[in-house]
């Protein structure tokens, strides 16, 4: 009898907490639902280094860091938390994609029908948690509940992001009870603070540690996001960051490269950017000063930054 190839589950490049924890949890779910003799039927993976927030979460719940996946060639793959080719493995066309679970806009083409699950919800982890809740055969452990809860709190900025839904909050309460987390709010702030310092980070790491790339025809857009407790560190390194934005944009041929510095205390974002044309002013109807603008109440890249830029570039 021919041995079936393993399934690799991965999130996007420049991984955040949701894109690391959701594959771990979904692999656990699928392996429990359909156990194999060697226990390695479904394998969670990552496409880059984990950040300090994710490391805190995995250490807290004593969960191993997923293996690094460098190539898709000849593999069976499930994509979580993304569906755009610019955000996944460069040779993804050499893989067999068997499933996608996501909560972002859809920009995906494939040669054959596959299972594609997307919902307008705050986190992919919420979708994975619902699989457990709706399936009595797969028991949700304390540590898996913990990392799913952490991913939801991370992606929704502790329920402050406009991407947050009522369902995210309800799911988080159920997960917290299983994980033994009594104060969800305090735990969420603790998670966010683990990534809220720029100390020891190079300017390039600040820009690209949580960065996503988008294509709109011939337009190449990059938007990185860093979460901070106050903008003092960002302002102190503004010139250094802007110089790196310019260097990286010209080297990688970006039309617009943005760093979104999000203050999770005051709930707003400072955008630092380099652009070939005055895209930012057109998209946000606000005149920048020295290639920066502050957007009060804006904390979501997915819901508050990408849509205005998509609308702008779709006209071109």
C-alpha atoms as a PDB file:
ATOM      1  CA  UNK A   1       0.000   0.000   0.000  1.00  0.00           C
ATOM      2  CA  UNK A   2       1.435   3.361  -1.077  1.00  0.00           C
ATOM      3  CA  UNK A   3       2.137   5.704   1.823  1.00  0.00           C
ATOM      4  CA  UNK A   4       0.234   8.976   1.548  1.00  0.00           C
ATOM      5  CA  UNK A   5       2.286  12.160   1.434  1.00  0.00           C
ATOM      6  CA  UNK A   6       2.142  14.359   4.555  1.00  0.00           C
ATOM      7  CA  UNK A   7       0.202  17.610   4.505  1.00  0.00           C
ATOM      8  CA  UNK A   8       2.055  20.799   5.379  1.00  0.00           C
ATOM      9  CA  UNK A   9       0.106  23.702   6.888  1.00  0.00           C
ATOM     10  CA  UNK A  10       1.581  27.160   6.693  1.00  0.00           C
ATOM     11  CA  UNK A  11       0.686  30.784   7.218  1.00  0.00           C
ATOM     12  CA  UNK A  12       2.142  33.744   5.334  1.00  0.00           C
ATOM     13  CA  UNK A  13       5.648  35.179   5.061  1.00  0.00           C
ATOM     14  CA  UNK A  14       6.772  37.597   7.791  1.00  0.00           C
ATOM     15  CA  UNK A  15       4.759  35.567  10.310  1.00  0.00           C
ATOM     16  CA  UNK A  16       2.676  37.071  13.089  1.00  0.00           C
ATOM     17  CA  UNK A  17       1.101  35.210  15.997  1.00  0.00           C
ATOM     18  CA  UNK A  18      -2.078  34.189  14.154  1.00  0.00           C
ATOM     19  CA  UNK A  19      -0.146  32.830  11.186  1.00  0.00           C
ATOM     20  CA  UNK A  20       2.016  30.664  13.475  1.00  0.00           C
ATOM     21  CA  UNK A  21      -0.542  29.514  16.060  1.00  0.00           C
ATOM     22  CA  UNK A  22      -3.379  28.713  13.641  1.00  0.00           C
ATOM     23  CA  UNK A  23      -1.334  26.141  11.649  1.00  0.00           C
ATOM     24  CA  UNK A  24      -0.171  24.503  14.890  1.00  0.00           C
ATOM     25  CA  UNK A  25      -3.767  24.232  16.097  1.00  0.00           C
ATOM     26  CA  UNK A  26      -5.198  23.105  12.759  1.00  0.00           C
ATOM     27  CA  UNK A  27      -2.536  20.409  12.391  1.00  0.00           C
ATOM     28  CA  UNK A  28      -3.425  19.214  15.898  1.00  0.00           C
ATOM     29  CA  UNK A  29      -7.105  19.160  14.939  1.00  0.00           C
ATOM     30  CA  UNK A  30      -6.602  17.220  11.693  1.00  0.00           C
ATOM     31  CA  UNK A  31      -4.228  14.720  13.292  1.00  0.00           C
ATOM     32  CA  UNK A  32      -6.749  14.051  16.081  1.00  0.00           C
ATOM     33  CA  UNK A  33      -9.628  13.738  13.652  1.00  0.00           C
ATOM     34  CA  UNK A  34      -7.774  11.361  11.316  1.00  0.00           C
ATOM     35  CA  UNK A  35      -4.843   9.871  13.259  1.00  0.00           C
ATOM     36  CA  UNK A  36      -2.032   8.174  11.325  1.00  0.00           C
ATOM     37  CA  UNK A  37       0.227   5.391  12.545  1.00  0.00           C
ATOM     38  CA  UNK A  38       3.360   7.586  12.584  1.00  0.00           C
ATOM     39  CA  UNK A  39       1.579  10.635  13.991  1.00  0.00           C
ATOM     40  CA  UNK A  40       3.008  12.882  11.271  1.00  0.00           C
ATOM     41  CA  UNK A  41       0.238  13.052   8.753  1.00  0.00           C
ATOM     42  CA  UNK A  42      -0.221  16.823   9.089  1.00  0.00           C
ATOM     43  CA  UNK A  43       2.736  19.099   9.865  1.00  0.00           C
ATOM     44  CA  UNK A  44       2.533  22.779  10.906  1.00  0.00           C
ATOM     45  CA  UNK A  45       5.171  25.047   9.348  1.00  0.00           C
ATOM     46  CA  UNK A  46       6.352  28.642   9.188  1.00  0.00           C
ATOM     47  CA  UNK A  47       7.770  30.786   6.388  1.00  0.00           C
ATOM     48  CA  UNK A  48      10.115  32.943   8.447  1.00  0.00           C
ATOM     49  CA  UNK A  49      11.409  33.894  11.891  1.00  0.00           C
ATOM     50  CA  UNK A  50       8.866  34.248  14.662  1.00  0.00           C
ATOM     51  CA  UNK A  51       8.577  37.622  16.385  1.00  0.00           C
ATOM     52  CA  UNK A  52       8.982  38.324  20.106  1.00  0.00           C
ATOM     53  CA  UNK A  53       5.220  38.287  20.731  1.00  0.00           C
ATOM     54  CA  UNK A  54       4.789  34.844  19.168  1.00  0.00           C
ATOM     55  CA  UNK A  55       7.829  33.541  21.047  1.00  0.00           C
ATOM     56  CA  UNK A  56       6.252  34.757  24.305  1.00  0.00           C
ATOM     57  CA  UNK A  57       2.998  32.952  23.488  1.00  0.00           C
ATOM     58  CA  UNK A  58       4.647  29.649  22.524  1.00  0.00           C
ATOM     59  CA  UNK A  59       6.884  29.729  25.599  1.00  0.00           C
ATOM     60  CA  UNK A  60       3.932  30.570  27.855  1.00  0.00           C
ATOM     61  CA  UNK A  61       1.964  27.535  26.707  1.00  0.00           C
ATOM     62  CA  UNK A  62       5.045  25.332  26.193  1.00  0.00           C
ATOM     63  CA  UNK A  63       4.465  24.770  22.466  1.00  0.00           C
ATOM     64  CA  UNK A  64       7.317  24.070  20.044  1.00  0.00           C
ATOM     65  CA  UNK A  65       8.157  26.478  17.223  1.00  0.00           C
ATOM     66  CA  UNK A  66       6.983  24.967  13.885  1.00  0.00           C
ATOM     67  CA  UNK A  67       9.546  23.811  11.347  1.00  0.00           C
ATOM     68  CA  UNK A  68      10.711  26.228   8.644  1.00  0.00           C
ATOM     69  CA  UNK A  69       9.399  25.393   5.169  1.00  0.00           C
ATOM     70  CA  UNK A  70      11.685  26.592   2.358  1.00  0.00           C
ATOM     71  CA  UNK A  71      10.055  25.036  -0.694  1.00  0.00           C
ATOM     72  CA  UNK A  72       6.607  23.952  -1.835  1.00  0.00           C
ATOM     73  CA  UNK A  73       7.851  21.672  -4.603  1.00  0.00           C
ATOM     74  CA  UNK A  74       6.064  18.318  -4.653  1.00  0.00           C
ATOM     75  CA  UNK A  75       4.244  18.968  -1.378  1.00  0.00           C
ATOM     76  CA  UNK A  76       0.595  18.897  -0.351  1.00  0.00           C
ATOM     77  CA  UNK A  77      -0.125  22.224   1.317  1.00  0.00           C
ATOM     78  CA  UNK A  78      -2.872  23.956   3.262  1.00  0.00           C
ATOM     79  CA  UNK A  79      -2.645  27.753   3.356  1.00  0.00           C
ATOM     80  CA  UNK A  80      -3.887  29.549   6.465  1.00  0.00           C
ATOM     81  CA  UNK A  81      -4.284  33.275   7.138  1.00  0.00           C
ATOM     82  CA  UNK A  82      -3.454  34.266   3.528  1.00  0.00           C
ATOM     83  CA  UNK A  83      -4.345  33.482  -0.064  1.00  0.00           C
ATOM     84  CA  UNK A  84      -2.217  35.903  -2.120  1.00  0.00           C
ATOM     85  CA  UNK A  85       0.777  34.486  -4.003  1.00  0.00           C
ATOM     86  CA  UNK A  86       2.985  37.411  -2.987  1.00  0.00           C
ATOM     87  CA  UNK A  87       2.589  36.350   0.659  1.00  0.00           C
ATOM     88  CA  UNK A  88       3.401  32.663   0.341  1.00  0.00           C
ATOM     89  CA  UNK A  89       6.232  30.393  -0.875  1.00  0.00           C
ATOM     90  CA  UNK A  90       7.836  31.603  -4.108  1.00  0.00           C
ATOM     91  CA  UNK A  91       7.407  28.191  -5.745  1.00  0.00           C
ATOM     92  CA  UNK A  92       3.844  27.601  -4.547  1.00  0.00           C
ATOM     93  CA  UNK A  93       2.772  26.696  -8.112  1.00  0.00           C
ATOM     94  CA  UNK A  94       4.841  23.504  -7.734  1.00  0.00           C
ATOM     95  CA  UNK A  95       2.701  22.341  -4.807  1.00  0.00           C
ATOM     96  CA  UNK A  96      -0.708  20.745  -4.587  1.00  0.00           C
ATOM     97  CA  UNK A  97      -2.852  23.191  -2.634  1.00  0.00           C
ATOM     98  CA  UNK A  98      -5.639  21.244  -0.993  1.00  0.00           C
ATOM     99  CA  UNK A  99      -7.289  23.834   1.250  1.00  0.00           C
ATOM    100  CA  UNK A 100      -7.304  27.509   2.290  1.00  0.00           C
ATOM    101  CA  UNK A 101      -8.682  29.016   5.496  1.00  0.00           C
ATOM    102  CA  UNK A 102      -8.445  32.793   5.722  1.00  0.00           C
ATOM    103  CA  UNK A 103     -10.066  36.027   6.887  1.00  0.00           C
ATOM    104  CA  UNK A 104      -8.542  38.462   4.373  1.00  0.00           C
ATOM    105  CA  UNK A 105      -9.679  39.708   0.963  1.00  0.00           C
ATOM    106  CA  UNK A 106      -9.635  37.071  -1.756  1.00  0.00           C
ATOM    107  CA  UNK A 107      -6.998  37.313  -4.470  1.00  0.00           C
ATOM    108  CA  UNK A 108      -6.512  33.712  -5.514  1.00  0.00           C
ATOM    109  CA  UNK A 109      -6.606  31.567  -8.626  1.00  0.00           C
ATOM    110  CA  UNK A 110      -6.098  27.838  -8.903  1.00  0.00           C
ATOM    111  CA  UNK A 111      -6.408  25.269 -11.657  1.00  0.00           C
ATOM    112  CA  UNK A 112      -8.907  23.041  -9.873  1.00  0.00           C
ATOM    113  CA  UNK A 113     -11.635  23.294  -7.213  1.00  0.00           C
ATOM    114  CA  UNK A 114     -10.412  23.188  -3.622  1.00  0.00           C
ATOM    115  CA  UNK A 115     -11.924  23.769  -0.197  1.00  0.00           C
ATOM    116  CA  UNK A 116     -11.758  27.529   0.460  1.00  0.00           C
ATOM    117  CA  UNK A 117     -13.115  28.853   3.753  1.00  0.00           C
ATOM    118  CA  UNK A 118     -13.108  32.578   4.429  1.00  0.00           C
ATOM    119  CA  UNK A 119     -15.141  34.731   6.809  1.00  0.00           C
ATOM    120  CA  UNK A 120     -15.118  38.424   7.776  1.00  0.00           C
ATOM    121  CA  UNK A 121     -13.827  37.700  11.256  1.00  0.00           C
ATOM    122  CA  UNK A 122     -10.988  39.037  13.403  1.00  0.00           C
ATOM    123  CA  UNK A 123      -8.608  36.103  13.258  1.00  0.00           C
ATOM    124  CA  UNK A 124      -7.990  32.836  11.438  1.00  0.00           C
ATOM    125  CA  UNK A 125      -7.649  31.321  14.913  1.00  0.00           C
ATOM    126  CA  UNK A 126     -11.360  31.980  15.470  1.00  0.00           C
ATOM    127  CA  UNK A 127     -12.155  29.824  12.435  1.00  0.00           C
ATOM    128  CA  UNK A 128      -9.899  27.015  13.675  1.00  0.00           C
ATOM    129  CA  UNK A 129     -11.439  27.185  17.158  1.00  0.00           C
ATOM    130  CA  UNK A 130     -14.890  26.729  15.628  1.00  0.00           C
ATOM    131  CA  UNK A 131     -13.708  23.488  14.020  1.00  0.00           C
ATOM    132  CA  UNK A 132     -12.939  22.125  17.478  1.00  0.00           C
ATOM    133  CA  UNK A 133     -16.168  23.377  19.022  1.00  0.00           C
ATOM    134  CA  UNK A 134     -18.242  21.806  16.247  1.00  0.00           C
ATOM    135  CA  UNK A 135     -16.452  18.443  16.302  1.00  0.00           C
ATOM    136  CA  UNK A 136     -16.708  16.285  19.433  1.00  0.00           C
ATOM    137  CA  UNK A 137     -14.084  13.852  18.096  1.00  0.00           C
ATOM    138  CA  UNK A 138     -11.235  16.379  18.417  1.00  0.00           C
ATOM    139  CA  UNK A 139     -10.610  17.381  22.030  1.00  0.00           C
ATOM    140  CA  UNK A 140      -9.224  20.875  22.522  1.00  0.00           C
ATOM    141  CA  UNK A 141      -6.263  20.807  24.912  1.00  0.00           C
ATOM    142  CA  UNK A 142      -5.304  23.587  27.316  1.00  0.00           C
ATOM    143  CA  UNK A 143      -2.205  24.601  25.361  1.00  0.00           C
ATOM    144  CA  UNK A 144      -3.940  24.621  21.963  1.00  0.00           C
ATOM    145  CA  UNK A 145      -6.805  26.669  23.436  1.00  0.00           C
ATOM    146  CA  UNK A 146      -4.175  29.017  24.842  1.00  0.00           C
ATOM    147  CA  UNK A 147      -2.382  29.685  21.578  1.00  0.00           C
ATOM    148  CA  UNK A 148      -5.679  30.120  19.711  1.00  0.00           C
ATOM    149  CA  UNK A 149      -6.817  32.634  22.330  1.00  0.00           C
ATOM    150  CA  UNK A 150      -3.469  34.431  22.013  1.00  0.00           C
ATOM    151  CA  UNK A 151      -3.779  34.618  18.240  1.00  0.00           C
ATOM    152  CA  UNK A 152      -7.248  36.147  18.492  1.00  0.00           C
ATOM    153  CA  UNK A 153      -6.074  38.713  21.050  1.00  0.00           C
ATOM    154  CA  UNK A 154      -3.081  39.545  18.883  1.00  0.00           C
ATOM    155  CA  UNK A 155      -4.950  39.949  15.588  1.00  0.00           C
ATOM    156  CA  UNK A 156      -7.806  41.955  17.135  1.00  0.00           C
ATOM    157  CA  UNK A 157      -5.417  44.077  19.263  1.00  0.00           C
ATOM    158  CA  UNK A 158      -7.230  42.817  22.369  1.00  0.00           C
ATOM    159  CA  UNK A 159     -10.648  43.427  20.737  1.00  0.00           C
ATOM    160  CA  UNK A 160      -9.807  47.076  19.900  1.00  0.00           C
ATOM    161  CA  UNK A 161      -9.416  46.561  16.146  1.00  0.00           C
ATOM    162  CA  UNK A 162     -12.398  47.292  13.857  1.00  0.00           C
ATOM    163  CA  UNK A 163     -11.916  43.782  12.465  1.00  0.00           C
ATOM    164  CA  UNK A 164     -13.166  42.365  15.782  1.00  0.00           C
ATOM    165  CA  UNK A 165     -16.554  40.665  15.695  1.00  0.00           C
ATOM    166  CA  UNK A 166     -18.929  39.594  18.442  1.00  0.00           C
ATOM    167  CA  UNK A 167     -18.113  36.015  17.512  1.00  0.00           C
ATOM    168  CA  UNK A 168     -14.370  36.574  18.121  1.00  0.00           C
ATOM    169  CA  UNK A 169     -15.159  37.705  21.660  1.00  0.00           C
ATOM    170  CA  UNK A 170     -17.468  34.756  22.329  1.00  0.00           C
ATOM    171  CA  UNK A 171     -14.896  32.280  21.015  1.00  0.00           C
ATOM    172  CA  UNK A 172     -12.152  33.925  23.085  1.00  0.00           C
ATOM    173  CA  UNK A 173     -14.213  33.485  26.279  1.00  0.00           C
ATOM    174  CA  UNK A 174     -14.629  29.765  25.599  1.00  0.00           C
ATOM    175  CA  UNK A 175     -10.928  29.360  24.843  1.00  0.00           C
ATOM    176  CA  UNK A 176      -9.891  31.314  27.941  1.00  0.00           C
ATOM    177  CA  UNK A 177     -11.930  28.991  30.159  1.00  0.00           C
ATOM    178  CA  UNK A 178     -10.183  25.931  28.672  1.00  0.00           C
ATOM    179  CA  UNK A 179      -6.744  27.583  28.782  1.00  0.00           C
ATOM    180  CA  UNK A 180      -7.133  28.742  32.375  1.00  0.00           C
ATOM    181  CA  UNK A 181      -6.859  32.455  31.592  1.00  0.00           C
ATOM    182  CA  UNK A 182      -9.059  34.356  34.043  1.00  0.00           C
ATOM    183  CA  UNK A 183      -8.441  37.948  32.902  1.00  0.00           C
ATOM    184  CA  UNK A 184      -8.506  38.029  29.083  1.00  0.00           C
ATOM    185  CA  UNK A 185      -7.883  41.779  28.856  1.00  0.00           C
ATOM    186  CA  UNK A 186      -4.773  41.715  31.073  1.00  0.00           C
ATOM    187  CA  UNK A 187      -3.401  38.656  29.315  1.00  0.00           C
ATOM    188  CA  UNK A 188      -3.948  40.310  25.933  1.00  0.00           C
ATOM    189  CA  UNK A 189      -2.056  43.452  26.981  1.00  0.00           C
ATOM    190  CA  UNK A 190       0.759  41.252  28.293  1.00  0.00           C
ATOM    191  CA  UNK A 191       0.980  39.576  24.873  1.00  0.00           C
ATOM    192  CA  UNK A 192       1.012  42.880  22.983  1.00  0.00           C
ATOM    193  CA  UNK A 193       3.694  44.362  25.226  1.00  0.00           C
ATOM    194  CA  UNK A 194       5.980  41.464  24.322  1.00  0.00           C
ATOM    195  CA  UNK A 195       6.317  43.000  20.845  1.00  0.00           C
ATOM    196  CA  UNK A 196       5.888  46.656  21.740  1.00  0.00           C
ATOM    197  CA  UNK A 197       9.541  47.719  21.901  1.00  0.00           C
ATOM    198  CA  UNK A 198      11.930  48.551  19.066  1.00  0.00           C
ATOM    199  CA  UNK A 199      14.985  48.094  21.277  1.00  0.00           C
ATOM    200  CA  UNK A 200      17.669  46.088  19.529  1.00  0.00           C
ATOM    201  CA  UNK A 201      15.823  46.066  16.195  1.00  0.00           C
ATOM    202  CA  UNK A 202      17.458  47.318  13.001  1.00  0.00           C
ATOM    203  CA  UNK A 203      15.437  49.737  10.869  1.00  0.00           C
ATOM    204  CA  UNK A 204      14.950  47.059   8.205  1.00  0.00           C
ATOM    205  CA  UNK A 205      13.608  44.624  10.800  1.00  0.00           C
ATOM    206  CA  UNK A 206      11.179  47.236  12.083  1.00  0.00           C
ATOM    207  CA  UNK A 207       9.813  47.724   8.560  1.00  0.00           C
ATOM    208  CA  UNK A 208       9.711  44.106   7.432  1.00  0.00           C
ATOM    209  CA  UNK A 209       9.220  41.974  10.574  1.00  0.00           C
ATOM    210  CA  UNK A 210       5.447  42.050   9.978  1.00  0.00           C
ATOM    211  CA  UNK A 211       5.139  43.152   6.367  1.00  0.00           C
ATOM    212  CA  UNK A 212       2.751  42.178   3.590  1.00  0.00           C
ATOM    213  CA  UNK A 213       3.195  42.689  -0.121  1.00  0.00           C
ATOM    214  CA  UNK A 214       0.412  43.426  -2.618  1.00  0.00           C
ATOM    215  CA  UNK A 215       0.213  43.748  -6.404  1.00  0.00           C
ATOM    216  CA  UNK A 216      -2.262  45.955  -8.261  1.00  0.00           C
ATOM    217  CA  UNK A 217      -1.449  45.537 -11.954  1.00  0.00           C
ATOM    218  CA  UNK A 218       2.013  47.069 -12.282  1.00  0.00           C
ATOM    219  CA  UNK A 219       1.852  48.698  -8.842  1.00  0.00           C
ATOM    220  CA  UNK A 220       3.882  47.030  -6.079  1.00  0.00           C
ATOM    221  CA  UNK A 221       2.844  47.901  -2.524  1.00  0.00           C
ATOM    222  CA  UNK A 222       4.386  46.903   0.781  1.00  0.00           C
ATOM    223  CA  UNK A 223       2.852  47.646   4.187  1.00  0.00           C
ATOM    224  CA  UNK A 224       4.675  46.750   7.381  1.00  0.00           C
ATOM    225  CA  UNK A 225       3.207  47.153  10.840  1.00  0.00           C
ATOM    226  CA  UNK A 226       4.808  47.469  14.238  1.00  0.00           C
ATOM    227  CA  UNK A 227       2.842  47.816  17.481  1.00  0.00           C
ATOM    228  CA  UNK A 228       4.183  50.100  20.200  1.00  0.00           C
ATOM    229  CA  UNK A 229       3.095  51.510  23.570  1.00  0.00           C
ATOM    230  CA  UNK A 230       3.619  55.145  22.603  1.00  0.00           C
ATOM    231  CA  UNK A 231       5.371  56.603  19.552  1.00  0.00           C
ATOM    232  CA  UNK A 232       8.498  57.919  21.317  1.00  0.00           C
ATOM    233  CA  UNK A 233      10.826  55.195  20.024  1.00  0.00           C
ATOM    234  CA  UNK A 234       9.498  55.542  16.470  1.00  0.00           C
ATOM    235  CA  UNK A 235       9.867  59.326  16.454  1.00  0.00           C
ATOM    236  CA  UNK A 236      13.407  59.065  17.811  1.00  0.00           C
ATOM    237  CA  UNK A 237      14.367  56.800  14.885  1.00  0.00           C
ATOM    238  CA  UNK A 238      12.222  58.448  12.206  1.00  0.00           C
ATOM    239  CA  UNK A 239      15.088  59.585   9.944  1.00  0.00           C
ATOM    240  CA  UNK A 240      16.780  56.173  10.140  1.00  0.00           C
ATOM    241  CA  UNK A 241      13.540  54.347   9.304  1.00  0.00           C
ATOM    242  CA  UNK A 242      12.677  56.671   6.427  1.00  0.00           C
ATOM    243  CA  UNK A 243      16.128  56.241   4.912  1.00  0.00           C
ATOM    244  CA  UNK A 244      15.687  52.468   5.039  1.00  0.00           C
ATOM    245  CA  UNK A 245      12.197  52.762   3.514  1.00  0.00           C
ATOM    246  CA  UNK A 246      13.694  54.669   0.584  1.00  0.00           C
ATOM    247  CA  UNK A 247      16.632  52.278   0.147  1.00  0.00           C
ATOM    248  CA  UNK A 248      14.471  49.153   0.337  1.00  0.00           C
ATOM    249  CA  UNK A 249      11.770  50.585  -1.936  1.00  0.00           C
ATOM    250  CA  UNK A 250      14.278  51.455  -4.662  1.00  0.00           C
ATOM    251  CA  UNK A 251      16.145  48.163  -4.310  1.00  0.00           C
ATOM    252  CA  UNK A 252      12.984  46.004  -4.416  1.00  0.00           C
ATOM    253  CA  UNK A 253      11.142  48.257  -6.899  1.00  0.00           C
ATOM    254  CA  UNK A 254       8.215  49.215  -4.686  1.00  0.00           C
ATOM    255  CA  UNK A 255       5.920  51.972  -5.883  1.00  0.00           C
ATOM    256  CA  UNK A 256       4.818  52.534  -2.286  1.00  0.00           C
ATOM    257  CA  UNK A 257       6.444  51.175   0.863  1.00  0.00           C
ATOM    258  CA  UNK A 258       4.800  51.940   4.201  1.00  0.00           C
ATOM    259  CA  UNK A 259       5.552  51.354   7.861  1.00  0.00           C
ATOM    260  CA  UNK A 260       2.458  51.527  10.026  1.00  0.00           C
ATOM    261  CA  UNK A 261       3.544  52.291  13.616  1.00  0.00           C
ATOM    262  CA  UNK A 262       0.460  51.515  15.697  1.00  0.00           C
ATOM    263  CA  UNK A 263       0.146  52.932  19.200  1.00  0.00           C
ATOM    264  CA  UNK A 264      -1.926  50.320  21.040  1.00  0.00           C
ATOM    265  CA  UNK A 265      -2.408  52.667  24.017  1.00  0.00           C
ATOM    266  CA  UNK A 266      -3.690  55.803  22.230  1.00  0.00           C
ATOM    267  CA  UNK A 267      -5.238  53.783  19.379  1.00  0.00           C
ATOM    268  CA  UNK A 268      -3.806  55.440  16.304  1.00  0.00           C
ATOM    269  CA  UNK A 269      -1.084  54.887  13.715  1.00  0.00           C
ATOM    270  CA  UNK A 270       1.805  56.927  12.392  1.00  0.00           C
ATOM    271  CA  UNK A 271       2.499  56.101   8.750  1.00  0.00           C
ATOM    272  CA  UNK A 272       6.089  56.509   7.550  1.00  0.00           C
ATOM    273  CA  UNK A 273       6.486  55.886   3.839  1.00  0.00           C
ATOM    274  CA  UNK A 274       8.323  56.231   0.548  1.00  0.00           C
ATOM    275  CA  UNK A 275       6.332  56.657  -2.661  1.00  0.00           C
ATOM    276  CA  UNK A 276       6.870  57.268  -6.363  1.00  0.00           C
ATOM    277  CA  UNK A 277       3.781  59.498  -6.511  1.00  0.00           C
ATOM    278  CA  UNK A 278       1.562  61.159  -3.904  1.00  0.00           C
ATOM    279  CA  UNK A 279      -0.452  58.006  -3.249  1.00  0.00           C
ATOM    280  CA  UNK A 280      -0.870  58.461   0.511  1.00  0.00           C
ATOM    281  CA  UNK A 281      -2.431  61.918   0.254  1.00  0.00           C
ATOM    282  CA  UNK A 282      -4.859  60.694  -2.417  1.00  0.00           C
ATOM    283  CA  UNK A 283      -5.815  57.549  -0.514  1.00  0.00           C
ATOM    284  CA  UNK A 284      -6.334  59.134   2.913  1.00  0.00           C
ATOM    285  CA  UNK A 285      -7.256  62.690   1.904  1.00  0.00           C
ATOM    286  CA  UNK A 286      -4.689  64.121   4.292  1.00  0.00           C
ATOM    287  CA  UNK A 287      -1.530  66.059   3.431  1.00  0.00           C
ATOM    288  CA  UNK A 288       1.624  64.341   4.740  1.00  0.00           C
ATOM    289  CA  UNK A 289       4.548  66.153   6.328  1.00  0.00           C
ATOM    290  CA  UNK A 290       8.045  64.837   5.665  1.00  0.00           C
ATOM    291  CA  UNK A 291       6.603  61.549   4.376  1.00  0.00           C
ATOM    292  CA  UNK A 292       4.609  60.891   7.537  1.00  0.00           C
ATOM    293  CA  UNK A 293       0.965  61.179   8.532  1.00  0.00           C
ATOM    294  CA  UNK A 294      -0.824  60.334  11.764  1.00  0.00           C
ATOM    295  CA  UNK A 295      -4.193  58.604  11.471  1.00  0.00           C
ATOM    296  CA  UNK A 296      -6.226  58.750  14.682  1.00  0.00           C
ATOM    297  CA  UNK A 297      -8.280  55.642  15.400  1.00  0.00           C
ATOM    298  CA  UNK A 298      -6.567  53.656  12.641  1.00  0.00           C
ATOM    299  CA  UNK A 299      -5.037  50.409  13.901  1.00  0.00           C
ATOM    300  CA  UNK A 300      -6.006  47.772  11.314  1.00  0.00           C
ATOM    301  CA  UNK A 301      -3.880  47.262   8.213  1.00  0.00           C
ATOM    302  CA  UNK A 302      -6.459  44.924   6.702  1.00  0.00           C
ATOM    303  CA  UNK A 303      -9.550  47.044   7.256  1.00  0.00           C
ATOM    304  CA  UNK A 304      -8.308  50.654   7.447  1.00  0.00           C
ATOM    305  CA  UNK A 305      -5.131  50.881   5.341  1.00  0.00           C
ATOM    306  CA  UNK A 306      -5.418  48.375   2.499  1.00  0.00           C
ATOM    307  CA  UNK A 307      -9.013  49.223   1.387  1.00  0.00           C
ATOM    308  CA  UNK A 308      -8.325  52.939   0.603  1.00  0.00           C
ATOM    309  CA  UNK A 309      -5.134  51.985  -1.241  1.00  0.00           C
ATOM    310  CA  UNK A 310      -6.924  49.217  -3.123  1.00  0.00           C
ATOM    311  CA  UNK A 311      -9.588  51.699  -4.200  1.00  0.00           C
ATOM    312  CA  UNK A 312      -6.916  54.148  -5.349  1.00  0.00           C
ATOM    313  CA  UNK A 313      -4.846  51.633  -7.294  1.00  0.00           C
ATOM    314  CA  UNK A 314      -7.888  49.960  -8.825  1.00  0.00           C
ATOM    315  CA  UNK A 315      -8.548  53.208 -10.711  1.00  0.00           C
ATOM    316  CA  UNK A 316      -5.143  53.079 -12.400  1.00  0.00           C
END
